[in-house]
Amino acid sequence: MTALTTTHVPLKRMNSSMLVFELDRETRRLMPTGHGSVTAAATMASFLHREQTRFVRGDLPRVPYIEHPLRVALRLLRWGVADADLIAAALLHDIVEDCSQELLALYGHTGEEPLACLERLYGHRVARFVDAVTNPTDGTPYDEHIAQLASTDSPALLIKASDLKDNAGSIRHQLGHGQDARLYRMLLKYLPAVEVVAKGLRGSLRCLTGQACTLAAVADMESLVRSLSALSAEHGID
């Protein structure tokens, strides 16, 4: 019997089931001692995002939102990340922004904040990584938030790079399906962010296992900068 070599299948072509099986297979292979925490994070993220879908794109079908954090986590694995806390944080990276009320209703203690809840459930490092990539609620502009993250050597910058690759990398394929004005705004927002993240990765970040995953992330970010720049020129956006 011939098995599908899923490592060669683009993440965007995988449905939810394929993404889950791939995550399970790769975490068992690359970090067997961290498999339990990654599975727990994936299970919680799947449940809390269960009623959410990616935004409507004209005639394109709705897809479960959980596909996004699954791809963000799997892209880290494909880059060579073998840090279970970082993979768990990638799976949970949108929980505070999108699901904090239900998180606290189901798992929180009285008076507990969302990040404190995640820290109690998954540990300090996971909560710190999620906090680093969560958009601030204190009025800090998005570009300033990205610049602050990129100026550190936090491994969370890899999560943000994968997140941008997934969000910004899909803009070209979403244009022409009824939400172009929104996508143009996303393009204006994401292109400078990708440039800043690429620079930050080149300048300081080192993975626990060496530089291989950083170099893979930089290559993807630089490719994305070229793609978004070409798309901006094509549509007269500056």
C-alpha atoms as a PDB file:
ATOM      1  CA  MET A   1       0.000   0.000   0.000  1.00  0.00           C
ATOM      2  CA  THR A   2       1.385   3.410  -1.009  1.00  0.00           C
ATOM      3  CA  ALA A   3       1.079   6.240   1.516  1.00  0.00           C
ATOM      4  CA  LEU A   4       0.586   9.860   0.503  1.00  0.00           C
ATOM      5  CA  THR A   5       3.783  11.838   1.059  1.00  0.00           C
ATOM      6  CA  THR A   6       2.027  14.702   2.792  1.00  0.00           C
ATOM      7  CA  THR A   7       5.197  16.709   3.414  1.00  0.00           C
ATOM      8  CA  HIS A   8       5.120  17.583  -0.296  1.00  0.00           C
ATOM      9  CA  VAL A   9       1.483  18.706  -0.281  1.00  0.00           C
ATOM     10  CA  PRO A  10       1.133  22.510   0.030  1.00  0.00           C
ATOM     11  CA  LEU A  11      -0.552  23.390   3.311  1.00  0.00           C
ATOM     12  CA  LYS A  12      -3.197  25.471   1.522  1.00  0.00           C
ATOM     13  CA  ARG A  13      -4.302  22.347  -0.353  1.00  0.00           C
ATOM     14  CA  MET A  14      -4.920  20.385   2.844  1.00  0.00           C
ATOM     15  CA  ASN A  15      -8.364  20.301   4.427  1.00  0.00           C
ATOM     16  CA  SER A  16      -8.930  20.220   8.185  1.00  0.00           C
ATOM     17  CA  SER A  17      -8.613  16.450   8.475  1.00  0.00           C
ATOM     18  CA  MET A  18      -5.362  16.313   6.526  1.00  0.00           C
ATOM     19  CA  LEU A  19      -3.900  19.137   8.597  1.00  0.00           C
ATOM     20  CA  VAL A  20      -4.766  17.333  11.841  1.00  0.00           C
ATOM     21  CA  PHE A  21      -3.255  14.032  10.679  1.00  0.00           C
ATOM     22  CA  GLU A  22      -0.126  15.816   9.457  1.00  0.00           C
ATOM     23  CA  LEU A  23       0.276  17.672  12.754  1.00  0.00           C
ATOM     24  CA  ASP A  24      -0.080  14.430  14.701  1.00  0.00           C
ATOM     25  CA  ARG A  25       2.382  12.564  12.478  1.00  0.00           C
ATOM     26  CA  GLU A  26       5.020  15.299  12.483  1.00  0.00           C
ATOM     27  CA  THR A  27       4.900  15.997  16.217  1.00  0.00           C
ATOM     28  CA  ARG A  28       5.219  12.280  16.978  1.00  0.00           C
ATOM     29  CA  ARG A  29       8.211  12.137  14.640  1.00  0.00           C
ATOM     30  CA  LEU A  30       9.994  15.348  15.610  1.00  0.00           C
ATOM     31  CA  MET A  31       9.156  15.800  19.289  1.00  0.00           C
ATOM     32  CA  PRO A  32       7.630  12.650  20.809  1.00  0.00           C
ATOM     33  CA  THR A  33       7.971  13.957  24.358  1.00  0.00           C
ATOM     34  CA  GLY A  34       6.037  17.109  23.431  1.00  0.00           C
ATOM     35  CA  HIS A  35       3.287  15.358  21.512  1.00  0.00           C
ATOM     36  CA  GLY A  36       0.839  15.464  24.432  1.00  0.00           C
ATOM     37  CA  SER A  37       1.024  19.221  24.955  1.00  0.00           C
ATOM     38  CA  VAL A  38       0.724  19.913  21.217  1.00  0.00           C
ATOM     39  CA  THR A  39      -2.302  17.622  20.953  1.00  0.00           C
ATOM     40  CA  ALA A  40      -3.906  19.310  23.965  1.00  0.00           C
ATOM     41  CA  ALA A  41      -3.381  22.750  22.409  1.00  0.00           C
ATOM     42  CA  ALA A  42      -4.755  21.591  19.044  1.00  0.00           C
ATOM     43  CA  THR A  43      -7.810  20.090  20.738  1.00  0.00           C
ATOM     44  CA  MET A  44      -8.552  23.264  22.688  1.00  0.00           C
ATOM     45  CA  ALA A  45      -8.004  25.508  19.658  1.00  0.00           C
ATOM     46  CA  SER A  46     -10.252  23.306  17.518  1.00  0.00           C
ATOM     47  CA  PHE A  47     -13.009  23.472  20.103  1.00  0.00           C
ATOM     48  CA  LEU A  48     -12.806  27.197  20.814  1.00  0.00           C
ATOM     49  CA  HIS A  49     -12.666  28.090  17.093  1.00  0.00           C
ATOM     50  CA  ARG A  50     -15.326  25.491  16.191  1.00  0.00           C
ATOM     51  CA  GLU A  51     -18.027  27.973  15.093  1.00  0.00           C
ATOM     52  CA  GLN A  52     -15.677  30.372  13.315  1.00  0.00           C
ATOM     53  CA  THR A  53     -14.854  30.431   9.624  1.00  0.00           C
ATOM     54  CA  ARG A  54     -12.413  32.422   7.535  1.00  0.00           C
ATOM     55  CA  PHE A  55     -14.001  35.613   6.245  1.00  0.00           C
ATOM     56  CA  VAL A  56     -16.374  35.276   3.293  1.00  0.00           C
ATOM     57  CA  ARG A  57     -14.576  35.655  -0.030  1.00  0.00           C
ATOM     58  CA  GLY A  58     -17.318  36.090  -2.611  1.00  0.00           C
ATOM     59  CA  ASP A  59     -18.024  32.791  -4.312  1.00  0.00           C
ATOM     60  CA  LEU A  60     -15.263  30.929  -2.486  1.00  0.00           C
ATOM     61  CA  PRO A  61     -16.477  28.392   0.098  1.00  0.00           C
ATOM     62  CA  ARG A  62     -16.315  29.035   3.819  1.00  0.00           C
ATOM     63  CA  VAL A  63     -13.618  27.027   5.545  1.00  0.00           C
ATOM     64  CA  PRO A  64     -13.231  26.265   9.270  1.00  0.00           C
ATOM     65  CA  TYR A  65     -11.092  28.869  11.007  1.00  0.00           C
ATOM     66  CA  ILE A  66      -9.044  26.170  12.748  1.00  0.00           C
ATOM     67  CA  GLU A  67      -7.320  25.487   9.427  1.00  0.00           C
ATOM     68  CA  HIS A  68      -5.399  28.739   9.903  1.00  0.00           C
ATOM     69  CA  PRO A  69      -3.704  27.965  13.258  1.00  0.00           C
ATOM     70  CA  LEU A  70      -3.103  24.385  12.099  1.00  0.00           C
ATOM     71  CA  ARG A  71      -1.242  25.683   9.044  1.00  0.00           C
ATOM     72  CA  VAL A  72       0.677  28.207  11.159  1.00  0.00           C
ATOM     73  CA  ALA A  73       1.870  25.397  13.424  1.00  0.00           C
ATOM     74  CA  LEU A  74       2.642  22.979  10.599  1.00  0.00           C
ATOM     75  CA  ARG A  75       4.622  25.596   8.703  1.00  0.00           C
ATOM     76  CA  LEU A  76       6.855  25.952  11.765  1.00  0.00           C
ATOM     77  CA  LEU A  77       7.419  22.203  11.714  1.00  0.00           C
ATOM     78  CA  ARG A  78       8.273  22.343   8.015  1.00  0.00           C
ATOM     79  CA  TRP A  79      10.747  25.130   8.722  1.00  0.00           C
ATOM     80  CA  GLY A  80      12.432  22.818  11.222  1.00  0.00           C
ATOM     81  CA  VAL A  81      11.086  24.032  14.582  1.00  0.00           C
ATOM     82  CA  ALA A  82      11.166  21.268  17.194  1.00  0.00           C
ATOM     83  CA  ASP A  83      10.034  23.265  20.237  1.00  0.00           C
ATOM     84  CA  ALA A  84       6.723  21.874  21.531  1.00  0.00           C
ATOM     85  CA  ASP A  85       5.920  25.088  23.433  1.00  0.00           C
ATOM     86  CA  LEU A  86       6.304  27.145  20.255  1.00  0.00           C
ATOM     87  CA  ILE A  87       4.078  24.755  18.280  1.00  0.00           C
ATOM     88  CA  ALA A  88       1.449  24.801  21.037  1.00  0.00           C
ATOM     89  CA  ALA A  89       1.542  28.615  21.086  1.00  0.00           C
ATOM     90  CA  ALA A  90       1.138  28.703  17.296  1.00  0.00           C
ATOM     91  CA  LEU A  91      -2.025  26.615  17.630  1.00  0.00           C
ATOM     92  CA  LEU A  92      -3.330  28.937  20.357  1.00  0.00           C
ATOM     93  CA  HIS A  93      -2.118  32.219  18.868  1.00  0.00           C
ATOM     94  CA  ASP A  94      -5.593  33.634  18.096  1.00  0.00           C
ATOM     95  CA  ILE A  95      -7.349  32.402  21.251  1.00  0.00           C
ATOM     96  CA  VAL A  96      -6.899  35.584  23.301  1.00  0.00           C
ATOM     97  CA  GLU A  97      -8.083  37.831  20.452  1.00  0.00           C
ATOM     98  CA  ASP A  98     -10.979  35.685  19.245  1.00  0.00           C
ATOM     99  CA  CYS A  99     -12.085  33.283  21.990  1.00  0.00           C
ATOM    100  CA  SER A 100     -11.103  34.746  25.360  1.00  0.00           C
ATOM    101  CA  GLN A 101     -14.622  34.858  26.811  1.00  0.00           C
ATOM    102  CA  GLU A 102     -15.332  31.186  26.132  1.00  0.00           C
ATOM    103  CA  LEU A 103     -11.824  30.234  27.227  1.00  0.00           C
ATOM    104  CA  LEU A 104     -12.463  31.813  30.631  1.00  0.00           C
ATOM    105  CA  ALA A 105     -16.035  30.525  30.844  1.00  0.00           C
ATOM    106  CA  LEU A 106     -14.893  26.938  30.334  1.00  0.00           C
ATOM    107  CA  TYR A 107     -11.398  26.840  31.835  1.00  0.00           C
ATOM    108  CA  GLY A 108     -10.847  30.050  33.790  1.00  0.00           C
ATOM    109  CA  HIS A 109     -10.747  30.673  37.509  1.00  0.00           C
ATOM    110  CA  THR A 110     -12.606  33.563  39.095  1.00  0.00           C
ATOM    111  CA  GLY A 111     -10.987  36.875  38.190  1.00  0.00           C
ATOM    112  CA  GLU A 112      -8.420  35.231  35.910  1.00  0.00           C
ATOM    113  CA  GLU A 113      -7.197  36.921  32.731  1.00  0.00           C
ATOM    114  CA  PRO A 114      -6.977  34.940  29.446  1.00  0.00           C
ATOM    115  CA  LEU A 115      -3.178  34.833  29.365  1.00  0.00           C
ATOM    116  CA  ALA A 116      -3.031  33.774  33.005  1.00  0.00           C
ATOM    117  CA  CYS A 117      -5.449  30.975  32.166  1.00  0.00           C
ATOM    118  CA  LEU A 118      -3.248  29.818  29.273  1.00  0.00           C
ATOM    119  CA  GLU A 119      -0.177  29.987  31.507  1.00  0.00           C
ATOM    120  CA  ARG A 120      -1.838  27.807  34.134  1.00  0.00           C
ATOM    121  CA  LEU A 121      -2.918  25.286  31.485  1.00  0.00           C
ATOM    122  CA  TYR A 122       0.159  25.254  29.231  1.00  0.00           C
ATOM    123  CA  GLY A 123       2.994  26.914  31.089  1.00  0.00           C
ATOM    124  CA  HIS A 124       4.785  30.252  31.123  1.00  0.00           C
ATOM    125  CA  ARG A 125       6.592  29.924  27.783  1.00  0.00           C
ATOM    126  CA  VAL A 126       3.441  29.111  25.809  1.00  0.00           C
ATOM    127  CA  ALA A 127       1.565  32.031  27.371  1.00  0.00           C
ATOM    128  CA  ARG A 128       4.517  34.367  26.757  1.00  0.00           C
ATOM    129  CA  PHE A 129       4.681  33.395  23.083  1.00  0.00           C
ATOM    130  CA  VAL A 130       0.919  33.870  22.634  1.00  0.00           C
ATOM    131  CA  ASP A 131       1.125  37.259  24.349  1.00  0.00           C
ATOM    132  CA  ALA A 132       3.952  38.331  22.042  1.00  0.00           C
ATOM    133  CA  VAL A 133       1.879  37.761  18.876  1.00  0.00           C
ATOM    134  CA  THR A 134      -1.466  38.984  20.233  1.00  0.00           C
ATOM    135  CA  ASN A 135      -2.479  42.412  18.977  1.00  0.00           C
ATOM    136  CA  PRO A 136      -2.342  44.788  21.966  1.00  0.00           C
ATOM    137  CA  THR A 137      -5.517  46.388  23.314  1.00  0.00           C
ATOM    138  CA  ASP A 138      -3.785  49.472  24.702  1.00  0.00           C
ATOM    139  CA  GLY A 139      -3.969  51.420  21.450  1.00  0.00           C
ATOM    140  CA  THR A 140      -0.510  50.476  20.206  1.00  0.00           C
ATOM    141  CA  PRO A 141      -0.617  50.662  16.379  1.00  0.00           C
ATOM    142  CA  TYR A 142      -0.199  47.392  14.497  1.00  0.00           C
ATOM    143  CA  ASP A 143       3.021  48.476  12.787  1.00  0.00           C
ATOM    144  CA  GLU A 144       4.543  49.523  16.113  1.00  0.00           C
ATOM    145  CA  HIS A 145       3.545  46.202  17.667  1.00  0.00           C
ATOM    146  CA  ILE A 146       5.226  44.289  14.820  1.00  0.00           C
ATOM    147  CA  ALA A 147       8.354  46.445  15.049  1.00  0.00           C
ATOM    148  CA  GLN A 148       8.614  45.804  18.794  1.00  0.00           C
ATOM    149  CA  LEU A 149       8.318  42.047  18.290  1.00  0.00           C
ATOM    150  CA  ALA A 150      10.829  42.059  15.420  1.00  0.00           C
ATOM    151  CA  SER A 151      13.363  43.930  17.548  1.00  0.00           C
ATOM    152  CA  THR A 152      13.524  41.086  20.072  1.00  0.00           C
ATOM    153  CA  ASP A 153      15.079  37.664  19.736  1.00  0.00           C
ATOM    154  CA  SER A 154      11.891  35.930  20.866  1.00  0.00           C
ATOM    155  CA  PRO A 155      11.082  32.673  19.056  1.00  0.00           C
ATOM    156  CA  ALA A 156       7.527  34.061  18.873  1.00  0.00           C
ATOM    157  CA  LEU A 157       8.702  36.009  15.829  1.00  0.00           C
ATOM    158  CA  LEU A 158       8.609  32.699  13.958  1.00  0.00           C
ATOM    159  CA  ILE A 159       4.912  32.351  14.837  1.00  0.00           C
ATOM    160  CA  LYS A 160       4.245  35.833  13.496  1.00  0.00           C
ATOM    161  CA  ALA A 161       6.196  35.021  10.328  1.00  0.00           C
ATOM    162  CA  SER A 162       4.126  31.889   9.745  1.00  0.00           C
ATOM    163  CA  ASP A 163       0.925  33.800  10.539  1.00  0.00           C
ATOM    164  CA  LEU A 164       1.806  36.478   7.972  1.00  0.00           C
ATOM    165  CA  LYS A 165       2.730  33.857   5.401  1.00  0.00           C
ATOM    166  CA  ASP A 166      -0.693  32.291   5.825  1.00  0.00           C
ATOM    167  CA  ASN A 167      -2.709  35.531   5.851  1.00  0.00           C
ATOM    168  CA  ALA A 168      -0.808  37.738   3.434  1.00  0.00           C
ATOM    169  CA  GLY A 169       0.170  34.863   1.168  1.00  0.00           C
ATOM    170  CA  SER A 170      -3.476  34.166   0.378  1.00  0.00           C
ATOM    171  CA  ILE A 171      -4.358  37.695  -0.793  1.00  0.00           C
ATOM    172  CA  ARG A 172      -3.433  37.104  -4.439  1.00  0.00           C
ATOM    173  CA  HIS A 173      -5.701  34.059  -4.585  1.00  0.00           C
ATOM    174  CA  GLN A 174      -8.617  35.850  -2.903  1.00  0.00           C
ATOM    175  CA  LEU A 175      -8.714  38.879  -5.213  1.00  0.00           C
ATOM    176  CA  GLY A 176     -11.565  38.952  -7.682  1.00  0.00           C
ATOM    177  CA  HIS A 177     -14.049  37.209  -5.420  1.00  0.00           C
ATOM    178  CA  GLY A 178     -16.048  40.183  -4.164  1.00  0.00           C
ATOM    179  CA  GLN A 179     -13.951  41.650  -1.334  1.00  0.00           C
ATOM    180  CA  ASP A 180     -11.159  43.408  -3.199  1.00  0.00           C
ATOM    181  CA  ALA A 181     -11.374  46.650  -1.184  1.00  0.00           C
ATOM    182  CA  ARG A 182     -10.812  44.754   2.031  1.00  0.00           C
ATOM    183  CA  LEU A 183      -7.965  42.787   0.491  1.00  0.00           C
ATOM    184  CA  TYR A 184      -6.275  45.979  -0.702  1.00  0.00           C
ATOM    185  CA  ARG A 185      -6.374  47.244   2.895  1.00  0.00           C
ATOM    186  CA  MET A 186      -4.846  43.965   4.038  1.00  0.00           C
ATOM    187  CA  LEU A 187      -2.120  44.342   1.441  1.00  0.00           C
ATOM    188  CA  LEU A 188      -1.256  47.834   2.708  1.00  0.00           C
ATOM    189  CA  LYS A 189      -1.159  46.477   6.257  1.00  0.00           C
ATOM    190  CA  TYR A 190       0.775  43.289   5.656  1.00  0.00           C
ATOM    191  CA  LEU A 191       3.508  44.237   3.173  1.00  0.00           C
ATOM    192  CA  PRO A 192       5.447  46.508   5.576  1.00  0.00           C
ATOM    193  CA  ALA A 193       4.864  44.000   8.397  1.00  0.00           C
ATOM    194  CA  VAL A 194       6.366  41.179   6.332  1.00  0.00           C
ATOM    195  CA  GLU A 195       9.375  43.365   5.488  1.00  0.00           C
ATOM    196  CA  VAL A 196       9.938  44.175   9.175  1.00  0.00           C
ATOM    197  CA  VAL A 197       9.582  40.555  10.252  1.00  0.00           C
ATOM    198  CA  ALA A 198      11.983  39.375   7.542  1.00  0.00           C
ATOM    199  CA  LYS A 199      14.541  41.939   8.695  1.00  0.00           C
ATOM    200  CA  GLY A 200      14.077  40.907  12.320  1.00  0.00           C
ATOM    201  CA  LEU A 201      14.579  37.251  11.478  1.00  0.00           C
ATOM    202  CA  ARG A 202      17.714  38.002   9.484  1.00  0.00           C
ATOM    203  CA  GLY A 203      19.139  40.166  12.236  1.00  0.00           C
ATOM    204  CA  SER A 204      18.843  38.306  15.483  1.00  0.00           C
ATOM    205  CA  LEU A 205      16.701  35.225  15.846  1.00  0.00           C
ATOM    206  CA  ARG A 206      18.264  31.810  16.459  1.00  0.00           C
ATOM    207  CA  CYS A 207      16.287  28.605  16.919  1.00  0.00           C
ATOM    208  CA  LEU A 208      16.967  26.218  19.748  1.00  0.00           C
ATOM    209  CA  THR A 209      18.118  23.665  17.189  1.00  0.00           C
ATOM    210  CA  GLY A 210      20.322  26.071  15.225  1.00  0.00           C
ATOM    211  CA  GLN A 211      19.782  28.409  12.306  1.00  0.00           C
ATOM    212  CA  ALA A 212      18.063  26.098   9.816  1.00  0.00           C
ATOM    213  CA  CYS A 213      14.508  27.051  10.724  1.00  0.00           C
ATOM    214  CA  THR A 214      15.372  30.748  10.829  1.00  0.00           C
ATOM    215  CA  LEU A 215      16.888  30.571   7.354  1.00  0.00           C
ATOM    216  CA  ALA A 216      13.819  28.729   6.033  1.00  0.00           C
ATOM    217  CA  ALA A 217      11.552  31.364   7.563  1.00  0.00           C
ATOM    218  CA  VAL A 218      13.638  34.202   6.118  1.00  0.00           C
ATOM    219  CA  ALA A 219      13.476  32.628   2.663  1.00  0.00           C
ATOM    220  CA  ASP A 220       9.677  32.384   2.887  1.00  0.00           C
ATOM    221  CA  MET A 221       9.367  35.959   4.160  1.00  0.00           C
ATOM    222  CA  GLU A 222      11.612  37.365   1.441  1.00  0.00           C
ATOM    223  CA  SER A 223       9.673  35.451  -1.195  1.00  0.00           C
ATOM    224  CA  LEU A 224       6.458  36.864   0.275  1.00  0.00           C
ATOM    225  CA  VAL A 225       7.847  40.414   0.168  1.00  0.00           C
ATOM    226  CA  ARG A 226       8.560  40.011  -3.547  1.00  0.00           C
ATOM    227  CA  SER A 227       5.118  38.542  -4.197  1.00  0.00           C
ATOM    228  CA  LEU A 228       3.268  41.265  -2.278  1.00  0.00           C
ATOM    229  CA  SER A 229       5.367  44.023  -3.847  1.00  0.00           C
ATOM    230  CA  ALA A 230       4.549  42.708  -7.317  1.00  0.00           C
ATOM    231  CA  LEU A 231       0.873  42.461  -6.381  1.00  0.00           C
ATOM    232  CA  SER A 232       0.884  46.048  -5.097  1.00  0.00           C
ATOM    233  CA  ALA A 233       2.456  47.307  -8.317  1.00  0.00           C
ATOM    234  CA  GLU A 234       0.026  45.238 -10.387  1.00  0.00           C
ATOM    235  CA  HIS A 235      -2.965  46.867  -8.682  1.00  0.00           C
ATOM    236  CA  GLY A 236      -1.485  50.347  -8.258  1.00  0.00           C
ATOM    237  CA  ILE A 237      -1.383  50.198  -4.457  1.00  0.00           C
ATOM    238  CA  ASP A 238       1.212  52.189  -2.556  1.00  0.00           C
END
